[in-house]
Amino acid sequence: MTQELIDDLLAAVPLPALLVDQSERIIAANAEALTLLGQQITGRHFATYLRQPQLIEAIEQSLRIKGPVRTRYLANDGAQDTTFDVSCRYVRGIGAVLGGAVLISFVDVTDMEQAGQMRRDFVANVSHELRTPLTALMGFIETLRGPARNDEKARDRFLEIMEAEASRMNRLVGDLLSLNRVESEERVRPREQLDLRALLESTSASLRPLAQSAGVELTLDAPAEQVIVNGDADQLRQVFTNLLENALKYGASGGRVEIIVSTAERDPALRGPGARVQVRDHGAGIDPVHLPRLTERFYRADNHRSRELGGTGLGLAIVKHIVNRHRGRLRVESELGQGAAFTVILPVEQN
């Protein structure tokens, strides 16, 4: 087989692929392999560039047994660590020495690895979130059956705490079910037309008692005309309820929460007509170091305070998935002592 034919065959492989013959030199590599491993690898001993022991051992074993061997290769694309599933297959009739070579191909499995880690982290987080209230409930039940059996004051105090812990578990289960439902529908774009202004008026009206009890002035600044978007009314109501409740809970010290609605014929985030709904508070703000991770499941900028206020750590993850389903964008801006602004950007239905 000529070198030209070998090069053409490797070029047709849609994965990084190279050939190592019995002399242990790389006799051919396609463009993807050159990008992954280096432009000067052809003609060199494979161990010069493939320096990870498990990969070197796999290639040597495949050359020795003239059979298939699988292993992993770890790299970095400049932005993140990447993981490749590597297949070593012996091919006869190729190479100048002893008439055979090993075809080494690399399959990027980084996304699968990350998904698996996310599942493991999710299970661990859910278990941790449930264990704390369950442990408290079991401890109080044991106390009420024993030392506090006839102590009315202790019983009332414990029952109040047990009710709070049970409510916390109930909110967590509710948010988990909501997150699961939103994720299952994320690829289905909603088609119902609704007036964003009317939705925000209704949502803010339902939260005014909460604002009043927190001593916060809640205002809505929106265009006089209707703002029509394609959306799921219940899900968008959930988005703005979540953002407003967060602003009222964590930004109450500022004394004011504003809902600001604006429209643009060409929003730069959407590259088309869009409406922006900004929920702004003037409270303590969020350290910018936390902003990139706020929408992660169970991530809390202030873990202790969030638990005290009944947060499950899932609210902003739900918001993110709903906004994604509506083909929108979520922007977060904040500085310590300057409050926080959460902006939902949604496509506007054109007349």
Protein backbone atom coordinates (compact mmCIF):
# COMPACT_ATOMS: atom_id res chain seq x y z
CA MET A 1 0.00 0.00 0.00
CA THR A 2 1.48 3.33 -1.06
CA GLN A 3 2.00 6.23 1.32
CA GLU A 4 -0.42 8.34 -0.74
CA LEU A 5 -3.19 5.76 -0.33
CA ILE A 6 -2.50 5.47 3.41
CA ASP A 7 -2.72 9.26 3.77
CA ASP A 8 -5.99 9.34 1.80
CA LEU A 9 -7.52 6.61 3.95
CA LEU A 10 -6.60 8.40 7.19
CA ALA A 11 -7.91 11.70 5.82
CA ALA A 12 -11.29 10.00 5.34
CA VAL A 13 -11.46 9.03 9.03
CA PRO A 14 -13.59 11.69 10.85
CA LEU A 15 -11.57 11.28 14.08
CA PRO A 16 -7.97 11.99 15.04
CA ALA A 17 -6.16 8.93 13.71
CA LEU A 18 -2.56 7.85 13.12
CA LEU A 19 -0.54 4.78 12.20
CA VAL A 20 2.45 3.35 14.12
CA ASP A 21 4.39 0.55 12.44
CA GLN A 22 6.64 -2.14 13.92
CA SER A 23 9.56 0.29 14.01
CA GLU A 24 7.45 2.22 16.58
CA ARG A 25 7.40 5.32 14.41
CA ILE A 26 4.36 7.30 13.32
CA ILE A 27 4.12 6.65 9.58
CA ALA A 28 0.94 8.65 8.93
CA ALA A 29 -1.53 10.96 10.67
CA ASN A 30 -4.61 12.83 9.54
CA ALA A 31 -5.23 16.57 10.04
CA GLU A 32 -7.28 16.00 13.21
CA ALA A 33 -4.43 14.01 14.80
CA LEU A 34 -1.90 16.69 13.83
CA THR A 35 -4.08 19.33 15.49
CA LEU A 36 -4.44 17.24 18.65
CA LEU A 37 -0.85 15.99 19.00
CA GLY A 38 1.38 18.35 16.99
CA GLN A 39 2.19 19.16 13.39
CA GLN A 40 5.61 17.46 13.41
CA ILE A 41 4.69 13.99 14.67
CA THR A 42 5.02 12.07 11.37
CA GLY A 43 8.23 10.04 11.20
CA ARG A 44 8.91 10.38 14.94
CA HIS A 45 8.89 7.67 17.59
CA PHE A 46 5.38 7.59 19.02
CA ALA A 47 6.55 7.84 22.65
CA THR A 48 8.08 11.25 21.87
CA TYR A 49 4.59 12.77 21.53
CA LEU A 50 2.27 10.25 23.18
CA ARG A 51 3.89 10.51 26.58
CA GLN A 52 1.16 9.10 28.80
CA PRO A 53 2.23 5.68 30.15
CA GLN A 54 -1.14 3.97 29.68
CA LEU A 55 -1.27 4.98 26.01
CA ILE A 56 2.34 3.95 25.34
CA GLU A 57 1.66 0.58 26.98
CA ALA A 58 -1.51 0.08 24.90
CA ILE A 59 0.29 0.75 21.60
CA GLU A 60 3.18 -1.54 22.54
CA GLN A 61 0.75 -4.28 23.54
CA SER A 62 -1.21 -3.96 20.28
CA LEU A 63 2.03 -4.19 18.27
CA ARG A 64 3.10 -7.21 20.31
CA ILE A 65 -0.13 -9.24 20.24
CA LYS A 66 -1.24 -7.91 16.83
CA GLY A 67 -4.71 -7.33 18.27
CA PRO A 68 -7.06 -4.63 19.62
CA VAL A 69 -6.38 -2.68 22.82
CA ARG A 70 -8.37 0.21 24.35
CA THR A 71 -7.26 2.93 26.73
CA ARG A 72 -7.79 6.61 27.66
CA TYR A 73 -5.86 9.74 26.70
CA LEU A 74 -6.10 12.99 28.65
CA ALA A 75 -5.46 16.37 27.01
CA ASN A 76 -6.35 20.05 27.31
CA ASP A 77 -7.90 22.13 24.55
CA GLY A 78 -6.86 25.41 26.15
CA ALA A 79 -10.22 25.92 27.85
CA GLN A 80 -10.78 22.66 29.70
CA ASP A 81 -9.40 19.17 30.24
CA THR A 82 -10.54 16.70 27.59
CA THR A 83 -10.82 12.93 27.73
CA PHE A 84 -10.40 10.63 24.71
CA ASP A 85 -11.32 6.99 24.36
CA VAL A 86 -8.41 5.52 22.36
CA SER A 87 -8.72 2.42 20.17
CA CYS A 88 -5.58 0.62 18.99
CA ARG A 89 -6.22 -1.80 16.09
CA TYR A 90 -3.57 -3.86 14.29
CA VAL A 91 -3.67 -3.59 10.50
CA ARG A 92 -1.74 -6.08 8.39
CA GLY A 93 0.04 -5.23 5.15
CA ILE A 94 1.02 -1.70 6.16
CA GLY A 95 4.46 -0.42 7.05
CA ALA A 96 7.95 -1.10 5.83
CA VAL A 97 8.96 -3.33 8.75
CA LEU A 98 7.28 -6.74 9.17
CA GLY A 99 4.29 -5.60 7.10
CA GLY A 100 1.96 -4.37 9.84
CA ALA A 101 0.98 -1.26 11.83
CA VAL A 102 -1.35 -0.13 14.60
CA LEU A 103 -4.17 2.26 13.74
CA ILE A 104 -4.77 4.55 16.72
CA SER A 105 -8.01 6.57 16.78
CA PHE A 106 -9.20 9.08 19.39
CA VAL A 107 -12.87 9.60 20.32
CA ASP A 108 -13.64 12.68 22.43
CA VAL A 109 -15.78 11.50 25.37
CA THR A 110 -15.43 14.66 27.46
CA ASP A 111 -19.16 15.44 27.30
CA MET A 112 -20.03 11.91 28.44
CA GLU A 113 -17.55 12.13 31.30
CA GLN A 114 -18.93 15.49 32.38
CA ALA A 115 -22.51 14.22 32.17
CA GLY A 116 -21.61 11.23 34.32
CA GLN A 117 -19.91 13.47 36.87
CA MET A 118 -22.93 15.79 36.90
CA ARG A 119 -25.22 12.83 37.64
CA ARG A 120 -22.98 11.67 40.47
CA ASP A 121 -22.77 15.20 41.89
CA PHE A 122 -26.53 15.60 41.58
CA VAL A 123 -27.26 12.40 43.51
CA ALA A 124 -24.71 13.37 46.17
CA ASN A 125 -26.20 16.88 46.51
CA VAL A 126 -29.79 15.62 46.74
CA SER A 127 -28.75 13.07 49.35
CA HIS A 128 -26.98 15.77 51.35
CA GLU A 129 -29.89 18.21 51.11
CA LEU A 130 -32.37 15.59 52.32
CA ARG A 131 -30.15 14.08 55.00
CA THR A 132 -29.95 17.27 57.08
CA PRO A 133 -33.71 17.78 57.63
CA LEU A 134 -34.30 14.03 57.96
CA THR A 135 -31.61 13.78 60.65
CA ALA A 136 -33.20 16.73 62.48
CA LEU A 137 -36.67 15.16 62.28
CA MET A 138 -35.45 11.80 63.56
CA GLY A 139 -33.61 13.49 66.44
CA PHE A 140 -36.64 15.52 67.51
CA ILE A 141 -38.95 12.50 67.26
CA GLU A 142 -36.61 10.52 69.49
CA THR A 143 -36.47 13.41 71.98
CA LEU A 144 -40.26 13.80 72.03
CA ARG A 145 -40.66 10.10 72.72
CA GLY A 146 -38.11 10.24 75.54
CA PRO A 147 -36.87 13.17 77.66
CA ALA A 148 -39.37 15.74 76.32
CA ARG A 149 -42.41 13.47 76.46
CA ASN A 150 -44.13 15.59 79.10
CA ASP A 151 -42.48 18.95 78.40
CA GLU A 152 -45.13 21.05 76.64
CA LYS A 153 -42.84 24.00 75.91
CA ALA A 154 -40.15 21.78 74.40
CA ARG A 155 -42.77 19.84 72.44
CA ASP A 156 -44.22 22.99 70.87
CA ARG A 157 -40.77 24.31 70.02
CA PHE A 158 -39.67 21.00 68.50
CA LEU A 159 -42.89 20.61 66.51
CA GLU A 160 -42.38 24.07 65.04
CA ILE A 161 -38.84 23.18 63.96
CA MET A 162 -40.04 19.83 62.58
CA GLU A 163 -42.70 21.59 60.53
CA ALA A 164 -40.05 23.94 59.08
CA GLU A 165 -37.76 21.01 58.19
CA ALA A 166 -40.64 19.06 56.61
CA SER A 167 -41.59 22.15 54.60
CA ARG A 168 -38.01 22.46 53.44
CA MET A 169 -38.02 18.86 52.19
CA ASN A 170 -41.35 19.46 50.49
CA ARG A 171 -39.95 22.53 48.68
CA LEU A 172 -36.89 20.56 47.63
CA VAL A 173 -38.96 17.70 46.21
CA GLY A 174 -41.22 20.21 44.45
CA ASP A 175 -38.23 21.99 42.87
CA LEU A 176 -36.70 18.66 41.81
CA LEU A 177 -39.93 17.68 40.07
CA SER A 178 -40.17 21.12 38.49
CA LEU A 179 -36.57 20.94 37.26
CA ASN A 180 -37.17 17.49 35.79
CA ARG A 181 -40.29 18.70 34.00
CA VAL A 182 -38.58 21.80 32.62
CA GLU A 183 -35.58 19.80 31.38
CA SER A 184 -37.83 17.30 29.60
CA GLU A 185 -39.58 20.14 27.75
CA GLU A 186 -36.50 22.26 27.06
CA ARG A 187 -36.24 21.32 23.37
CA VAL A 188 -39.93 22.02 22.71
CA ARG A 189 -40.35 25.71 21.95
CA PRO A 190 -43.59 27.20 23.35
CA ARG A 191 -46.03 28.64 20.79
CA GLU A 192 -48.60 30.41 22.97
CA GLN A 193 -48.70 34.19 22.48
CA LEU A 194 -48.88 36.21 25.68
CA ASP A 195 -48.56 39.79 26.87
CA LEU A 196 -45.40 40.08 28.94
CA ARG A 197 -46.55 43.33 30.57
CA ALA A 198 -49.82 41.77 31.80
CA LEU A 199 -47.93 38.72 33.09
CA LEU A 200 -45.53 40.91 35.08
CA GLU A 201 -48.38 43.03 36.49
CA SER A 202 -50.11 39.88 37.74
CA THR A 203 -46.90 38.38 39.14
CA SER A 204 -45.81 41.55 40.96
CA ALA A 205 -49.34 42.03 42.39
CA SER A 206 -49.25 38.54 43.91
CA LEU A 207 -45.91 39.32 45.59
CA ARG A 208 -46.78 42.74 46.99
CA PRO A 209 -47.79 41.28 50.40
CA LEU A 210 -44.33 39.69 50.64
CA ALA A 211 -42.74 43.01 49.65
CA GLN A 212 -44.76 44.90 52.24
CA SER A 213 -43.86 42.48 55.01
CA ALA A 214 -40.19 42.88 54.07
CA GLY A 215 -40.51 46.68 54.00
CA VAL A 216 -39.63 46.83 50.31
CA GLU A 217 -41.14 49.06 47.64
CA LEU A 218 -41.88 46.99 44.52
CA THR A 219 -42.25 48.95 41.26
CA LEU A 220 -42.94 48.03 37.63
CA ASP A 221 -41.69 50.21 34.78
CA ALA A 222 -42.98 48.88 31.43
CA PRO A 223 -44.09 50.24 28.04
CA ALA A 224 -47.75 51.27 27.82
CA GLU A 225 -48.35 49.00 24.83
CA GLN A 226 -48.48 45.22 24.91
CA VAL A 227 -45.23 43.27 24.66
CA ILE A 228 -46.10 40.04 22.86
CA VAL A 229 -43.83 36.99 23.16
CA ASN A 230 -44.22 33.31 22.41
CA GLY A 231 -44.09 31.58 25.74
CA ASP A 232 -45.44 29.26 28.37
CA ALA A 233 -47.33 31.54 30.77
CA ASP A 234 -46.94 29.24 33.80
CA GLN A 235 -43.20 28.78 33.26
CA LEU A 236 -42.51 32.48 32.67
CA ARG A 237 -44.55 33.30 35.77
CA GLN A 238 -42.32 30.84 37.63
CA VAL A 239 -39.20 32.60 36.29
CA PHE A 240 -40.26 36.08 37.41
CA THR A 241 -41.69 34.85 40.71
CA ASN A 242 -38.37 33.20 41.50
CA LEU A 243 -36.33 36.28 40.57
CA LEU A 244 -38.63 38.61 42.52
CA GLU A 245 -38.69 36.39 45.60
CA ASN A 246 -34.88 36.26 45.55
CA ALA A 247 -34.70 40.05 45.23
CA LEU A 248 -37.13 40.52 48.12
CA LYS A 249 -35.33 38.00 50.32
CA TYR A 250 -31.70 38.84 49.64
CA GLY A 251 -31.99 42.49 48.57
CA ALA A 252 -34.51 43.72 51.14
CA SER A 253 -31.92 45.87 52.86
CA GLY A 254 -31.99 48.21 49.86
CA GLY A 255 -35.66 49.00 50.45
CA ARG A 256 -36.56 48.92 46.76
CA VAL A 257 -36.98 46.30 44.03
CA GLU A 258 -37.57 47.41 40.46
CA ILE A 259 -38.96 45.54 37.47
CA ILE A 260 -37.84 47.31 34.29
CA VAL A 261 -39.18 46.22 30.89
CA SER A 262 -37.68 47.45 27.62
CA THR A 263 -37.91 46.39 23.98
CA ALA A 264 -35.59 46.69 20.98
CA GLU A 265 -36.03 46.01 17.29
CA ARG A 266 -32.63 44.34 17.34
CA ASP A 267 -31.37 43.11 20.67
CA PRO A 268 -27.62 42.36 20.49
CA ALA A 269 -28.01 39.21 22.60
CA LEU A 270 -30.64 37.75 20.26
CA ARG A 271 -29.67 39.43 16.98
CA GLY A 272 -33.34 40.16 16.47
CA PRO A 273 -36.36 41.79 18.14
CA GLY A 274 -36.28 41.27 21.88
CA ALA A 275 -37.73 42.27 25.22
CA ARG A 276 -35.66 42.67 28.37
CA VAL A 277 -37.10 42.21 31.84
CA GLN A 278 -34.69 43.34 34.53
CA VAL A 279 -35.30 42.59 38.20
CA ARG A 280 -33.05 44.92 40.19
CA ASP A 281 -32.56 45.23 43.93
CA HIS A 282 -30.40 47.65 45.90
CA GLY A 283 -29.28 45.32 48.67
CA ALA A 284 -25.95 43.83 49.69
CA GLY A 285 -25.17 42.47 46.23
CA ILE A 286 -23.27 39.34 45.21
CA ASP A 287 -19.52 38.92 45.04
CA PRO A 288 -18.69 38.74 41.28
CA VAL A 289 -16.70 35.56 41.89
CA HIS A 290 -20.01 33.72 42.37
CA LEU A 291 -21.80 35.02 39.25
CA PRO A 292 -20.63 32.37 36.72
CA ARG A 293 -21.93 29.56 38.95
CA LEU A 294 -25.23 30.98 40.20
CA THR A 295 -27.36 28.83 37.86
CA GLU A 296 -25.65 25.57 38.85
CA ARG A 297 -27.83 23.12 40.77
CA PHE A 298 -27.48 23.53 44.55
CA TYR A 299 -24.91 26.33 44.21
CA ARG A 300 -25.43 29.08 46.78
CA ALA A 301 -23.46 32.31 47.04
CA ASP A 302 -24.33 32.44 50.76
CA ASN A 303 -25.03 28.88 51.80
CA HIS A 304 -26.02 29.53 55.43
CA ARG A 305 -28.27 32.50 54.66
CA SER A 306 -29.96 30.70 51.76
CA ARG A 307 -30.86 27.74 53.98
CA GLU A 308 -32.18 30.07 56.68
CA LEU A 309 -34.47 31.75 54.12
CA GLY A 310 -35.76 28.43 52.81
CA GLY A 311 -33.79 28.28 49.56
CA THR A 312 -33.31 24.89 47.87
CA GLY A 313 -30.44 25.93 45.60
CA LEU A 314 -32.45 24.93 42.50
CA GLY A 315 -34.40 28.11 41.72
CA LEU A 316 -31.93 29.72 39.34
CA ALA A 317 -31.20 26.39 37.64
CA ILE A 318 -34.93 26.15 36.88
CA VAL A 319 -34.91 29.76 35.65
CA LYS A 320 -31.99 29.02 33.31
CA HIS A 321 -33.70 25.98 31.74
CA ILE A 322 -37.00 27.83 31.25
CA VAL A 323 -35.24 30.78 29.62
CA ASN A 324 -33.34 28.36 27.36
CA ARG A 325 -36.61 26.72 26.35
CA HIS A 326 -37.90 30.15 25.31
CA ARG A 327 -34.73 30.70 23.23
CA GLY A 328 -33.85 33.57 25.52
CA ARG A 329 -30.86 34.70 27.54
CA LEU A 330 -30.23 35.27 31.25
CA ARG A 331 -27.78 37.96 32.37
CA VAL A 332 -26.63 38.62 35.95
CA GLU A 333 -24.82 41.75 37.12
CA SER A 334 -23.83 42.53 40.68
CA GLU A 335 -21.21 44.06 42.92
CA LEU A 336 -20.90 43.89 46.68
CA GLY A 337 -22.85 46.75 48.23
CA GLN A 338 -24.39 47.74 44.89
CA GLY A 339 -27.33 45.33 44.66
CA ALA A 340 -27.99 42.78 41.92
CA ALA A 341 -29.71 42.85 38.53
CA PHE A 342 -31.10 39.72 36.84
CA THR A 343 -32.12 40.31 33.22
CA VAL A 344 -34.24 37.92 31.17
CA ILE A 345 -34.05 38.56 27.41
CA LEU A 346 -36.84 37.04 25.31
CA PRO A 347 -37.58 37.10 21.57
CA VAL A 348 -40.49 39.41 20.69
CA GLU A 349 -43.21 38.29 18.32
CA GLN A 350 -43.20 40.55 15.26
CA ASN A 351 -46.46 41.80 13.80
